[in-house]
Amino acid sequence: YILIRDVKVNGAEQYNLNYLEGKLKIKSPQLASFKEIQS
């Protein structure tokens, strides 16, 4: 488990941050497991 203070995305042009965060299901700051990150 780690505390994710921020999320940075590189390389996204056709897909906005809402879409990426919606798939990732991680809203910083959040205590997340590596299993959640991998999912």
PDB file of all heavy atoms in Angstrom:
ATOM      1  N   TYR A   1       0.857  -1.191   0.000  1.00  0.00           N
ATOM      2  CA  TYR A   1       0.000   0.000   0.000  1.00  0.00           C
ATOM      3  C   TYR A   1       0.891   1.237   0.000  1.00  0.00           C
ATOM      4  O   TYR A   1       1.888   1.289   0.725  1.00  0.00           O
ATOM      5  CB  TYR A   1      -0.921   0.035   1.227  1.00  0.00           C
ATOM      6  CG  TYR A   1      -2.067  -0.932   1.162  1.00  0.00           C
ATOM      7  CD1 TYR A   1      -1.901  -2.252   1.584  1.00  0.00           C
ATOM      8  CD2 TYR A   1      -3.316  -0.539   0.666  1.00  0.00           C
ATOM      9  CE1 TYR A   1      -2.956  -3.159   1.516  1.00  0.00           C
ATOM     10  CE2 TYR A   1      -4.367  -1.436   0.604  1.00  0.00           C
ATOM     11  CZ  TYR A   1      -4.183  -2.735   1.029  1.00  0.00           C
ATOM     12  OH  TYR A   1      -5.224  -3.627   0.957  1.00  0.00           O
ATOM     13  N   ILE A   2       0.532   2.221  -0.805  1.00  0.00           N
ATOM     14  CA  ILE A   2       1.281   3.471  -0.836  1.00  0.00           C
ATOM     15  C   ILE A   2       0.291   4.633  -0.941  1.00  0.00           C
ATOM     16  O   ILE A   2      -0.836   4.476  -1.429  1.00  0.00           O
ATOM     17  CB  ILE A   2       2.263   3.535  -2.025  1.00  0.00           C
ATOM     18  CG1 ILE A   2       1.518   3.381  -3.347  1.00  0.00           C
ATOM     19  CG2 ILE A   2       3.353   2.494  -1.887  1.00  0.00           C
ATOM     20  CD1 ILE A   2       2.373   3.666  -4.546  1.00  0.00           C
ATOM     21  N   LEU A   3       0.739   5.792  -0.489  1.00  0.00           N
ATOM     22  CA  LEU A   3      -0.076   6.998  -0.590  1.00  0.00           C
ATOM     23  C   LEU A   3       0.265   7.704  -1.901  1.00  0.00           C
ATOM     24  O   LEU A   3       1.394   8.164  -2.080  1.00  0.00           O
ATOM     25  CB  LEU A   3       0.188   7.927   0.597  1.00  0.00           C
ATOM     26  CG  LEU A   3      -0.566   9.271   0.557  1.00  0.00           C
ATOM     27  CD1 LEU A   3      -2.075   9.054   0.563  1.00  0.00           C
ATOM     28  CD2 LEU A   3      -0.141  10.155   1.726  1.00  0.00           C
ATOM     29  N   ILE A   4      -0.690   7.756  -2.802  1.00  0.00           N
ATOM     30  CA  ILE A   4      -0.494   8.447  -4.076  1.00  0.00           C
ATOM     31  C   ILE A   4      -0.944   9.886  -3.903  1.00  0.00           C
ATOM     32  O   ILE A   4      -2.132  10.167  -3.749  1.00  0.00           O
ATOM     33  CB  ILE A   4      -1.270   7.744  -5.204  1.00  0.00           C
ATOM     34  CG1 ILE A   4      -0.723   6.326  -5.398  1.00  0.00           C
ATOM     35  CG2 ILE A   4      -1.169   8.536  -6.504  1.00  0.00           C
ATOM     36  CD1 ILE A   4      -1.471   5.517  -6.416  1.00  0.00           C
ATOM     37  N   ARG A   5       0.037  10.787  -3.906  1.00  0.00           N
ATOM     38  CA  ARG A   5      -0.243  12.195  -3.694  1.00  0.00           C
ATOM     39  C   ARG A   5      -0.692  12.875  -4.980  1.00  0.00           C
ATOM     40  O   ARG A   5      -1.459  13.836  -4.966  1.00  0.00           O
ATOM     41  CB  ARG A   5       1.008  12.882  -3.129  1.00  0.00           C
ATOM     42  CG  ARG A   5       0.865  14.360  -2.830  1.00  0.00           C
ATOM     43  CD  ARG A   5      -0.234  14.633  -1.823  1.00  0.00           C
ATOM     44  NE  ARG A   5       0.079  14.060  -0.512  1.00  0.00           N
ATOM     45  CZ  ARG A   5      -0.758  14.112   0.507  1.00  0.00           C
ATOM     46  NH1 ARG A   5      -1.956  14.668   0.364  1.00  0.00           N
ATOM     47  NH2 ARG A   5      -0.435  13.583   1.675  1.00  0.00           N
ATOM     48  N   ASP A   6      -0.233  12.359  -6.132  1.00  0.00           N
ATOM     49  CA  ASP A   6      -0.567  13.002  -7.404  1.00  0.00           C
ATOM     50  C   ASP A   6      -0.495  11.972  -8.520  1.00  0.00           C
ATOM     51  O   ASP A   6       0.186  10.947  -8.390  1.00  0.00           O
ATOM     52  CB  ASP A   6       0.407  14.157  -7.672  1.00  0.00           C
ATOM     53  CG  ASP A   6      -0.091  15.090  -8.786  1.00  0.00           C
ATOM     54  OD1 ASP A   6      -1.287  14.986  -9.142  1.00  0.00           O
ATOM     55  OD2 ASP A   6       0.709  15.893  -9.281  1.00  0.00           O
ATOM     56  N   VAL A   7      -1.198  12.239  -9.610  1.00  0.00           N
ATOM     57  CA  VAL A   7      -1.171  11.390 -10.801  1.00  0.00           C
ATOM     58  C   VAL A   7      -0.766  12.245 -11.988  1.00  0.00           C
ATOM     59  O   VAL A   7      -1.342  13.306 -12.227  1.00  0.00           O
ATOM     60  CB  VAL A   7      -2.535  10.732 -11.066  1.00  0.00           C
ATOM     61  CG1 VAL A   7      -2.492   9.913 -12.357  1.00  0.00           C
ATOM     62  CG2 VAL A   7      -2.952   9.839  -9.902  1.00  0.00           C
ATOM     63  N   LYS A   8       0.234  11.786 -12.722  1.00  0.00           N
ATOM     64  CA  LYS A   8       0.701  12.487 -13.913  1.00  0.00           C
ATOM     65  C   LYS A   8       0.571  11.553 -15.106  1.00  0.00           C
ATOM     66  O   LYS A   8       0.899  10.370 -15.014  1.00  0.00           O
ATOM     67  CB  LYS A   8       2.158  12.915 -13.734  1.00  0.00           C
ATOM     68  CG  LYS A   8       2.759  13.622 -14.937  1.00  0.00           C
ATOM     69  CD  LYS A   8       4.234  13.949 -14.686  1.00  0.00           C
ATOM     70  CE  LYS A   8       4.867  14.590 -15.915  1.00  0.00           C
ATOM     71  NZ  LYS A   8       6.321  14.853 -15.707  1.00  0.00           N
ATOM     72  N   VAL A   9       0.082  12.080 -16.229  1.00  0.00           N
ATOM     73  CA  VAL A   9      -0.125  11.259 -17.427  1.00  0.00           C
ATOM     74  C   VAL A   9       0.680  11.845 -18.574  1.00  0.00           C
ATOM     75  O   VAL A   9       0.585  13.044 -18.878  1.00  0.00           O
ATOM     76  CB  VAL A   9      -1.614  11.179 -17.807  1.00  0.00           C
ATOM     77  CG1 VAL A   9      -1.787  10.319 -19.059  1.00  0.00           C
ATOM     78  CG2 VAL A   9      -2.430  10.606 -16.655  1.00  0.00           C
ATOM     79  N   ASN A  10       1.477  11.007 -19.224  1.00  0.00           N
ATOM     80  CA  ASN A  10       2.228  11.395 -20.416  1.00  0.00           C
ATOM     81  C   ASN A  10       1.687  10.651 -21.625  1.00  0.00           C
ATOM     82  O   ASN A  10       1.316   9.483 -21.530  1.00  0.00           O
ATOM     83  CB  ASN A  10       3.716  11.060 -20.259  1.00  0.00           C
ATOM     84  CG  ASN A  10       4.333  11.692 -19.040  1.00  0.00           C
ATOM     85  OD1 ASN A  10       4.095  12.861 -18.763  1.00  0.00           O
ATOM     86  ND2 ASN A  10       5.116  10.923 -18.291  1.00  0.00           N
ATOM     87  N   GLY A  11       1.652  11.313 -22.766  1.00  0.00           N
ATOM     88  CA  GLY A  11       1.335  10.641 -24.021  1.00  0.00           C
ATOM     89  C   GLY A  11      -0.122  10.633 -24.427  1.00  0.00           C
ATOM     90  O   GLY A  11      -0.463  10.132 -25.499  1.00  0.00           O
ATOM     91  N   ALA A  12      -1.010  11.179 -23.590  1.00  0.00           N
ATOM     92  CA  ALA A  12      -2.441  11.160 -23.919  1.00  0.00           C
ATOM     93  C   ALA A  12      -2.791  12.376 -24.768  1.00  0.00           C
ATOM     94  O   ALA A  12      -2.574  13.513 -24.353  1.00  0.00           O
ATOM     95  CB  ALA A  12      -3.279  11.141 -22.657  1.00  0.00           C
ATOM     96  N   GLU A  13      -3.329  12.130 -25.942  1.00  0.00           N
ATOM     97  CA  GLU A  13      -3.764  13.210 -26.828  1.00  0.00           C
ATOM     98  C   GLU A  13      -5.249  13.101 -27.152  1.00  0.00           C
ATOM     99  O   GLU A  13      -5.974  14.084 -27.113  1.00  0.00           O
ATOM    100  CB  GLU A  13      -2.937  13.195 -28.119  1.00  0.00           C
ATOM    101  CG  GLU A  13      -1.450  13.486 -27.902  1.00  0.00           C
ATOM    102  CD  GLU A  13      -0.667  13.444 -29.193  1.00  0.00           C
ATOM    103  OE1 GLU A  13      -1.301  13.243 -30.259  1.00  0.00           O
ATOM    104  OE2 GLU A  13       0.572  13.614 -29.151  1.00  0.00           O
ATOM    105  N   GLN A  14      -5.694  11.892 -27.450  1.00  0.00           N
ATOM    106  CA  GLN A  14      -7.077  11.682 -27.864  1.00  0.00           C
ATOM    107  C   GLN A  14      -8.006  11.391 -26.689  1.00  0.00           C
ATOM    108  O   GLN A  14      -9.219  11.394 -26.856  1.00  0.00           O
ATOM    109  CB  GLN A  14      -7.158  10.518 -28.865  1.00  0.00           C
ATOM    110  CG  GLN A  14      -6.403  10.750 -30.162  1.00  0.00           C
ATOM    111  CD  GLN A  14      -6.986  11.893 -30.966  1.00  0.00           C
ATOM    112  OE1 GLN A  14      -8.195  12.084 -31.016  1.00  0.00           O
ATOM    113  NE2 GLN A  14      -6.115  12.674 -31.590  1.00  0.00           N
ATOM    114  N   TYR A  15      -7.421  11.154 -25.511  1.00  0.00           N
ATOM    115  CA  TYR A  15      -8.241  10.774 -24.357  1.00  0.00           C
ATOM    116  C   TYR A  15      -7.943  11.729 -23.214  1.00  0.00           C
ATOM    117  O   TYR A  15      -6.781  11.918 -22.831  1.00  0.00           O
ATOM    118  CB  TYR A  15      -7.955   9.316 -23.958  1.00  0.00           C
ATOM    119  CG  TYR A  15      -8.298   8.358 -25.065  1.00  0.00           C
ATOM    120  CD1 TYR A  15      -7.339   7.996 -26.010  1.00  0.00           C
ATOM    121  CD2 TYR A  15      -9.584   7.862 -25.208  1.00  0.00           C
ATOM    122  CE1 TYR A  15      -7.651   7.148 -27.055  1.00  0.00           C
ATOM    123  CE2 TYR A  15      -9.912   7.011 -26.249  1.00  0.00           C
ATOM    124  CZ  TYR A  15      -8.941   6.663 -27.172  1.00  0.00           C
ATOM    125  OH  TYR A  15      -9.257   5.823 -28.207  1.00  0.00           O
ATOM    126  N   ASN A  16      -9.007  12.317 -22.653  1.00  0.00           N
ATOM    127  CA  ASN A  16      -8.812  13.342 -21.636  1.00  0.00           C
ATOM    128  C   ASN A  16      -8.605  12.721 -20.247  1.00  0.00           C
ATOM    129  O   ASN A  16      -8.750  11.516 -20.041  1.00  0.00           O
ATOM    130  CB  ASN A  16      -9.975  14.342 -21.631  1.00  0.00           C
ATOM    131  CG  ASN A  16     -11.324  13.667 -21.387  1.00  0.00           C
ATOM    132  OD1 ASN A  16     -11.426  12.700 -20.647  1.00  0.00           O
ATOM    133  ND2 ASN A  16     -12.366  14.179 -22.026  1.00  0.00           N
ATOM    134  N   LEU A  17      -8.278  13.591 -19.284  1.00  0.00           N
ATOM    135  CA  LEU A  17      -7.948  13.136 -17.939  1.00  0.00           C
ATOM    136  C   LEU A  17      -9.138  12.471 -17.255  1.00  0.00           C
ATOM    137  O   LEU A  17      -8.975  11.514 -16.498  1.00  0.00           O
ATOM    138  CB  LEU A  17      -7.441  14.315 -17.104  1.00  0.00           C
ATOM    139  CG  LEU A  17      -6.846  13.962 -15.737  1.00  0.00           C
ATOM    140  CD1 LEU A  17      -5.665  13.014 -15.890  1.00  0.00           C
ATOM    141  CD2 LEU A  17      -6.422  15.217 -14.994  1.00  0.00           C
ATOM    142  N   ASN A  18     -10.353  12.985 -17.502  1.00  0.00           N
ATOM    143  CA  ASN A  18     -11.544  12.361 -16.910  1.00  0.00           C
ATOM    144  C   ASN A  18     -11.660  10.903 -17.320  1.00  0.00           C
ATOM    145  O   ASN A  18     -11.957  10.019 -16.517  1.00  0.00           O
ATOM    146  CB  ASN A  18     -12.805  13.119 -17.331  1.00  0.00           C
ATOM    147  CG  ASN A  18     -13.026  14.369 -16.501  1.00  0.00           C
ATOM    148  OD1 ASN A  18     -12.633  14.415 -15.346  1.00  0.00           O
ATOM    149  ND2 ASN A  18     -13.635  15.374 -17.093  1.00  0.00           N
ATOM    150  N   TYR A  19     -11.429  10.645 -18.607  1.00  0.00           N
ATOM    151  CA  TYR A  19     -11.507   9.280 -19.112  1.00  0.00           C
ATOM    152  C   TYR A  19     -10.433   8.411 -18.455  1.00  0.00           C
ATOM    153  O   TYR A  19     -10.710   7.296 -17.980  1.00  0.00           O
ATOM    154  CB  TYR A  19     -11.327   9.266 -20.624  1.00  0.00           C
ATOM    155  CG  TYR A  19     -11.230   7.885 -21.215  1.00  0.00           C
ATOM    156  CD1 TYR A  19     -12.381   7.143 -21.491  1.00  0.00           C
ATOM    157  CD2 TYR A  19      -9.993   7.303 -21.489  1.00  0.00           C
ATOM    158  CE1 TYR A  19     -12.297   5.864 -22.025  1.00  0.00           C
ATOM    159  CE2 TYR A  19      -9.904   6.026 -22.014  1.00  0.00           C
ATOM    160  CZ  TYR A  19     -11.048   5.316 -22.284  1.00  0.00           C
ATOM    161  OH  TYR A  19     -10.955   4.051 -22.795  1.00  0.00           O
ATOM    162  N   LEU A  20      -9.189   8.910 -18.411  1.00  0.00           N
ATOM    163  CA  LEU A  20      -8.079   8.129 -17.868  1.00  0.00           C
ATOM    164  C   LEU A  20      -8.270   7.847 -16.381  1.00  0.00           C
ATOM    165  O   LEU A  20      -8.070   6.718 -15.919  1.00  0.00           O
ATOM    166  CB  LEU A  20      -6.768   8.881 -18.105  1.00  0.00           C
ATOM    167  CG  LEU A  20      -6.352   8.998 -19.577  1.00  0.00           C
ATOM    168  CD1 LEU A  20      -5.285  10.064 -19.750  1.00  0.00           C
ATOM    169  CD2 LEU A  20      -5.849   7.672 -20.100  1.00  0.00           C
ATOM    170  N   GLU A  21      -8.671   8.859 -15.625  1.00  0.00           N
ATOM    171  CA  GLU A  21      -8.891   8.646 -14.190  1.00  0.00           C
ATOM    172  C   GLU A  21     -10.092   7.744 -13.941  1.00  0.00           C
ATOM    173  O   GLU A  21     -10.114   6.978 -12.976  1.00  0.00           O
ATOM    174  CB  GLU A  21      -9.076   9.988 -13.488  1.00  0.00           C
ATOM    175  CG  GLU A  21      -7.788  10.805 -13.369  1.00  0.00           C
ATOM    176  CD  GLU A  21      -7.988  12.063 -12.535  1.00  0.00           C
ATOM    177  OE1 GLU A  21      -9.151  12.498 -12.386  1.00  0.00           O
ATOM    178  OE2 GLU A  21      -6.982  12.598 -12.040  1.00  0.00           O
ATOM    179  N   GLY A  22     -11.091   7.841 -14.829  1.00  0.00           N
ATOM    180  CA  GLY A  22     -12.258   6.973 -14.686  1.00  0.00           C
ATOM    181  C   GLY A  22     -11.898   5.512 -14.852  1.00  0.00           C
ATOM    182  O   GLY A  22     -12.444   4.635 -14.167  1.00  0.00           O
ATOM    183  N   LYS A  23     -10.978   5.211 -15.776  1.00  0.00           N
ATOM    184  CA  LYS A  23     -10.521   3.831 -15.952  1.00  0.00           C
ATOM    185  C   LYS A  23      -9.591   3.408 -14.820  1.00  0.00           C
ATOM    186  O   LYS A  23      -9.655   2.288 -14.325  1.00  0.00           O
ATOM    187  CB  LYS A  23      -9.788   3.687 -17.291  1.00  0.00           C
ATOM    188  CG  LYS A  23     -10.659   3.860 -18.505  1.00  0.00           C
ATOM    189  CD  LYS A  23     -11.670   2.753 -18.617  1.00  0.00           C
ATOM    190  CE  LYS A  23     -12.548   2.931 -19.838  1.00  0.00           C
ATOM    191  NZ  LYS A  23     -13.741   2.080 -19.779  1.00  0.00           N
ATOM    192  N   LEU A  24      -8.709   4.329 -14.425  1.00  0.00           N
ATOM    193  CA  LEU A  24      -7.730   4.013 -13.397  1.00  0.00           C
ATOM    194  C   LEU A  24      -8.386   3.817 -12.031  1.00  0.00           C
ATOM    195  O   LEU A  24      -7.935   3.019 -11.208  1.00  0.00           O
ATOM    196  CB  LEU A  24      -6.691   5.130 -13.329  1.00  0.00           C
ATOM    197  CG  LEU A  24      -5.418   4.864 -12.544  1.00  0.00           C
ATOM    198  CD1 LEU A  24      -4.643   3.708 -13.145  1.00  0.00           C
ATOM    199  CD2 LEU A  24      -4.555   6.122 -12.512  1.00  0.00           C
ATOM    200  N   LYS A  25      -9.474   4.567 -11.771  1.00  0.00           N
ATOM    201  CA  LYS A  25     -10.199   4.508 -10.497  1.00  0.00           C
ATOM    202  C   LYS A  25      -9.318   4.923  -9.314  1.00  0.00           C
ATOM    203  O   LYS A  25      -9.456   4.398  -8.208  1.00  0.00           O
ATOM    204  CB  LYS A  25     -10.766   3.102 -10.242  1.00  0.00           C
ATOM    205  CG  LYS A  25     -11.649   2.563 -11.355  1.00  0.00           C
ATOM    206  CD  LYS A  25     -12.874   3.400 -11.589  1.00  0.00           C
ATOM    207  CE  LYS A  25     -13.757   2.799 -12.684  1.00  0.00           C
ATOM    208  NZ  LYS A  25     -14.846   3.675 -13.087  1.00  0.00           N
ATOM    209  N   ILE A  26      -8.409   5.863  -9.572  1.00  0.00           N
ATOM    210  CA  ILE A  26      -7.583   6.405  -8.500  1.00  0.00           C
ATOM    211  C   ILE A  26      -7.661   7.920  -8.561  1.00  0.00           C
ATOM    212  O   ILE A  26      -7.315   8.522  -9.574  1.00  0.00           O
ATOM    213  CB  ILE A  26      -6.120   5.947  -8.612  1.00  0.00           C
ATOM    214  CG1 ILE A  26      -6.019   4.439  -8.356  1.00  0.00           C
ATOM    215  CG2 ILE A  26      -5.228   6.717  -7.640  1.00  0.00           C
ATOM    216  CD1 ILE A  26      -4.636   3.878  -8.509  1.00  0.00           C
ATOM    217  N   LYS A  27      -8.169   8.513  -7.504  1.00  0.00           N
ATOM    218  CA  LYS A  27      -8.272   9.964  -7.387  1.00  0.00           C
ATOM    219  C   LYS A  27      -7.319  10.406  -6.286  1.00  0.00           C
ATOM    220  O   LYS A  27      -7.512  10.077  -5.121  1.00  0.00           O
ATOM    221  CB  LYS A  27      -9.708  10.371  -7.032  1.00  0.00           C
ATOM    222  CG  LYS A  27     -10.606  10.605  -8.238  1.00  0.00           C
ATOM    223  CD  LYS A  27     -10.380  11.980  -8.821  1.00  0.00           C
ATOM    224  CE  LYS A  27     -11.484  12.328  -9.831  1.00  0.00           C
ATOM    225  NZ  LYS A  27     -11.256  13.641 -10.441  1.00  0.00           N
ATOM    226  N   SER A  28      -6.262  11.117  -6.661  1.00  0.00           N
ATOM    227  CA  SER A  28      -5.287  11.543  -5.666  1.00  0.00           C
ATOM    228  C   SER A  28      -5.856  12.698  -4.827  1.00  0.00           C
ATOM    229  O   SER A  28      -6.661  13.493  -5.318  1.00  0.00           O
ATOM    230  CB  SER A  28      -4.010  11.996  -6.375  1.00  0.00           C
ATOM    231  OG  SER A  28      -4.288  13.037  -7.299  1.00  0.00           O
ATOM    232  N   PRO A  29      -5.425  12.786  -3.551  1.00  0.00           N
ATOM    233  CA  PRO A  29      -4.587  11.812  -2.830  1.00  0.00           C
ATOM    234  C   PRO A  29      -5.392  10.590  -2.408  1.00  0.00           C
ATOM    235  O   PRO A  29      -6.537  10.714  -2.006  1.00  0.00           O
ATOM    236  CB  PRO A  29      -4.102  12.608  -1.618  1.00  0.00           C
ATOM    237  CG  PRO A  29      -5.198  13.597  -1.374  1.00  0.00           C
ATOM    238  CD  PRO A  29      -5.763  13.963  -2.707  1.00  0.00           C
ATOM    239  N   GLN A  30      -4.767   9.434  -2.529  1.00  0.00           N
ATOM    240  CA  GLN A  30      -5.459   8.194  -2.190  1.00  0.00           C
ATOM    241  C   GLN A  30      -4.460   7.145  -1.736  1.00  0.00           C
ATOM    242  O   GLN A  30      -3.389   6.987  -2.339  1.00  0.00           O
ATOM    243  CB  GLN A  30      -6.236   7.669  -3.410  1.00  0.00           C
ATOM    244  CG  GLN A  30      -6.961   6.353  -3.166  1.00  0.00           C
ATOM    245  CD  GLN A  30      -7.751   5.898  -4.384  1.00  0.00           C
ATOM    246  OE1 GLN A  30      -8.232   6.708  -5.165  1.00  0.00           O
ATOM    247  NE2 GLN A  30      -7.878   4.599  -4.553  1.00  0.00           N
ATOM    248  N   LEU A  31      -4.805   6.432  -0.666  1.00  0.00           N
ATOM    249  CA  LEU A  31      -4.021   5.281  -0.244  1.00  0.00           C
ATOM    250  C   LEU A  31      -4.466   4.101  -1.103  1.00  0.00           C
ATOM    251  O   LEU A  31      -5.616   3.674  -1.040  1.00  0.00           O
ATOM    252  CB  LEU A  31      -4.251   4.986   1.238  1.00  0.00           C
ATOM    253  CG  LEU A  31      -3.417   3.830   1.822  1.00  0.00           C
ATOM    254  CD1 LEU A  31      -1.937   4.175   1.810  1.00  0.00           C
ATOM    255  CD2 LEU A  31      -3.890   3.497   3.232  1.00  0.00           C
ATOM    256  N   ALA A  32      -3.548   3.612  -1.912  1.00  0.00           N
ATOM    257  CA  ALA A  32      -3.912   2.574  -2.879  1.00  0.00           C
ATOM    258  C   ALA A  32      -2.971   1.387  -2.749  1.00  0.00           C
ATOM    259  O   ALA A  32      -1.787   1.533  -2.425  1.00  0.00           O
ATOM    260  CB  ALA A  32      -3.864   3.126  -4.295  1.00  0.00           C
ATOM    261  N   SER A  33      -3.499   0.212  -3.000  1.00  0.00           N
ATOM    262  CA  SER A  33      -2.674  -0.990  -3.036  1.00  0.00           C
ATOM    263  C   SER A  33      -2.128  -1.171  -4.448  1.00  0.00           C
ATOM    264  O   SER A  33      -2.667  -0.630  -5.420  1.00  0.00           O
ATOM    265  CB  SER A  33      -3.493  -2.220  -2.639  1.00  0.00           C
ATOM    266  OG  SER A  33      -4.471  -2.501  -3.639  1.00  0.00           O
ATOM    267  N   PHE A  34      -1.059  -1.937  -4.560  1.00  0.00           N
ATOM    268  CA  PHE A  34      -0.519  -2.228  -5.879  1.00  0.00           C
ATOM    269  C   PHE A  34      -1.521  -3.033  -6.698  1.00  0.00           C
ATOM    270  O   PHE A  34      -1.536  -2.952  -7.925  1.00  0.00           O
ATOM    271  CB  PHE A  34       0.814  -2.962  -5.767  1.00  0.00           C
ATOM    272  CG  PHE A  34       1.977  -2.047  -5.551  1.00  0.00           C
ATOM    273  CD1 PHE A  34       2.397  -1.740  -4.276  1.00  0.00           C
ATOM    274  CD2 PHE A  34       2.630  -1.463  -6.620  1.00  0.00           C
ATOM    275  CE1 PHE A  34       3.455  -0.884  -4.061  1.00  0.00           C
ATOM    276  CE2 PHE A  34       3.688  -0.597  -6.422  1.00  0.00           C
ATOM    277  CZ  PHE A  34       4.111  -0.309  -5.139  1.00  0.00           C
ATOM    278  N   LYS A  35      -2.352  -3.806  -6.028  1.00  0.00           N
ATOM    279  CA  LYS A  35      -3.393  -4.547  -6.735  1.00  0.00           C
ATOM    280  C   LYS A  35      -4.381  -3.587  -7.392  1.00  0.00           C
ATOM    281  O   LYS A  35      -4.804  -3.792  -8.536  1.00  0.00           O
ATOM    282  CB  LYS A  35      -4.123  -5.479  -5.761  1.00  0.00           C
ATOM    283  CG  LYS A  35      -5.168  -6.360  -6.416  1.00  0.00           C
ATOM    284  CD  LYS A  35      -5.800  -7.314  -5.414  1.00  0.00           C
ATOM    285  CE  LYS A  35      -6.836  -8.204  -6.085  1.00  0.00           C
ATOM    286  NZ  LYS A  35      -7.473  -9.138  -5.118  1.00  0.00           N
ATOM    287  N   GLU A  36      -4.727  -2.505  -6.683  1.00  0.00           N
ATOM    288  CA  GLU A  36      -5.634  -1.506  -7.252  1.00  0.00           C
ATOM    289  C   GLU A  36      -4.980  -0.779  -8.421  1.00  0.00           C
ATOM    290  O   GLU A  36      -5.620  -0.510  -9.446  1.00  0.00           O
ATOM    291  CB  GLU A  36      -6.037  -0.503  -6.172  1.00  0.00           C
ATOM    292  CG  GLU A  36      -6.961  -1.059  -5.113  1.00  0.00           C
ATOM    293  CD  GLU A  36      -7.220  -0.072  -3.995  1.00  0.00           C
ATOM    294  OE1 GLU A  36      -6.251   0.474  -3.427  1.00  0.00           O
ATOM    295  OE2 GLU A  36      -8.408   0.158  -3.676  1.00  0.00           O
ATOM    296  N   ILE A  37      -3.692  -0.452  -8.258  1.00  0.00           N
ATOM    297  CA  ILE A  37      -2.972   0.211  -9.347  1.00  0.00           C
ATOM    298  C   ILE A  37      -2.933  -0.696 -10.570  1.00  0.00           C
ATOM    299  O   ILE A  37      -3.211  -0.267 -11.692  1.00  0.00           O
ATOM    300  CB  ILE A  37      -1.547   0.585  -8.901  1.00  0.00           C
ATOM    301  CG1 ILE A  37      -1.591   1.626  -7.773  1.00  0.00           C
ATOM    302  CG2 ILE A  37      -0.740   1.128 -10.080  1.00  0.00           C
ATOM    303  CD1 ILE A  37      -0.240   1.894  -7.144  1.00  0.00           C
ATOM    304  N   GLN A  38      -2.593  -1.968 -10.346  1.00  0.00           N
ATOM    305  CA  GLN A  38      -2.494  -2.897 -11.464  1.00  0.00           C
ATOM    306  C   GLN A  38      -3.848  -3.114 -12.135  1.00  0.00           C
ATOM    307  O   GLN A  38      -3.932  -3.215 -13.362  1.00  0.00           O
ATOM    308  CB  GLN A  38      -1.935  -4.236 -10.985  1.00  0.00           C
ATOM    309  CG  GLN A  38      -1.509  -5.170 -12.097  1.00  0.00           C
ATOM    310  CD  GLN A  38      -0.442  -4.555 -12.963  1.00  0.00           C
ATOM    311  OE1 GLN A  38       0.657  -4.271 -12.510  1.00  0.00           O
ATOM    312  NE2 GLN A  38      -0.758  -4.322 -14.221  1.00  0.00           N
ATOM    313  N   SER A  39      -4.911  -3.160 -11.337  1.00  0.00           N
ATOM    314  CA  SER A  39      -6.250  -3.306 -11.923  1.00  0.00           C
ATOM    315  C   SER A  39      -6.583  -2.103 -12.801  1.00  0.00           C
ATOM    316  O   SER A  39      -7.182  -2.247 -13.872  1.00  0.00           O
ATOM    317  CB  SER A  39      -7.298  -3.451 -10.809  1.00  0.00           C
ATOM    318  OG  SER A  39      -7.118  -4.658 -10.106  1.00  0.00           O
TER     319      SER A  39
END
